[in-house]
């Protein structure tokens, strides 16, 4: 009995261990087999543009405010009451060159002319009388005198005085006539009234401002240009009296009435000094006949803010790329003939709003990537979508 109990104690643990081992083997041996899947590498897809060298005109953009070619104060040169005004002598009125704009009461100046004419007549009479006295004195001395006669005896000083008084009277008459002509204020050029400071019946002192006027034959715009932008312009700086045709054309643009309007003009000169504050150069654009009626072109009025595009110099053998095709480090991504990524440094000649102009680093027919490529590693195989 005791032997059977001992045998049971030995056999039972062995049976448990054997059962556990068999169960473990069964779980491992009978588990479902999974099929191994090979990892498939994804090839990045990109869009490209083939580049070719171009000859581009690199225009320069600036902006400014329209000003008249000439703007002055119309000033009264004599004192008096205003008796007549031209109907156009109002703010915004137009006038022609030489047109009578304002008349000052001329009666006082007419009286001054009459008085001056009387003094001239009197001076002429005195001069004629003195000439007769000179002739008479000369004859008497030849008949009665001996030796050389003095100038006083021959009335020569009296004759000179009479002649000087005639000249003075004639000068007074000319001055009186000049003052009379100044009673009429005429337009020195064809133009427009900006402001008016006088009216009919008003007494004007000499030097009083009657109106502010400006010429309408040409409008000007002062355009700031940086030193870097000068490289894109052909400007005849070295010619002090250069032909107008040597200066570049310019297109002015402004938004009026909800649409963009344009005026064609030309750069006519550069200012004599560079700005000490900003270091900028200033070019002056001119538009002829800014108020002339032309289809789709409104008047180019004083004070209008305009954008300007100045005709630039031509550059040959350059490439224009979208701005997103170049990195901040001035490199571009290309797809080479082996369909692999190539990263190349380029030389930028100018950056524009939506594009860049490249002058070195690209070759004709290069395929430049213009789409997003999050991870750019040289030598990566690429798939071109649009080639």
Foldseek 3Di string as FASTA:
>chain_A
DVVVVVVCVVVVVVVVVVVVVVVVVCCVVVPDDDDDDDDDDDFAEFAWDFWDWDKDWDWDKWWFFKDFPDKDFQFQQAWAAWADADPQQAAFRWDAAFAFGTAGPLPVLVVQLVVLVVQLVVLVVQLVVLVVQLVVLVVVCVVDNDDDDDCVSSSVVVNVVSVVSNVVSVVSNVVSVVSSVSRTRTHNHTWHFRHADDDHGDIDHRGDGGTMIGHQQKMKTKTWDAPLCVVFAQDPPVDPDDDQVSWWKKKKWDADPNDIAIAIWTFRDWDDDADPVPRITITMIMGGRQCDDDPRRHRSDGGGMIMMITGTDIDTGKIKDFPQQADPVQWGWFQDPVQWIDIWHFAWSDDDDTITITRDTDDRRIITTDDDDPDGDGGRHHHYDPD
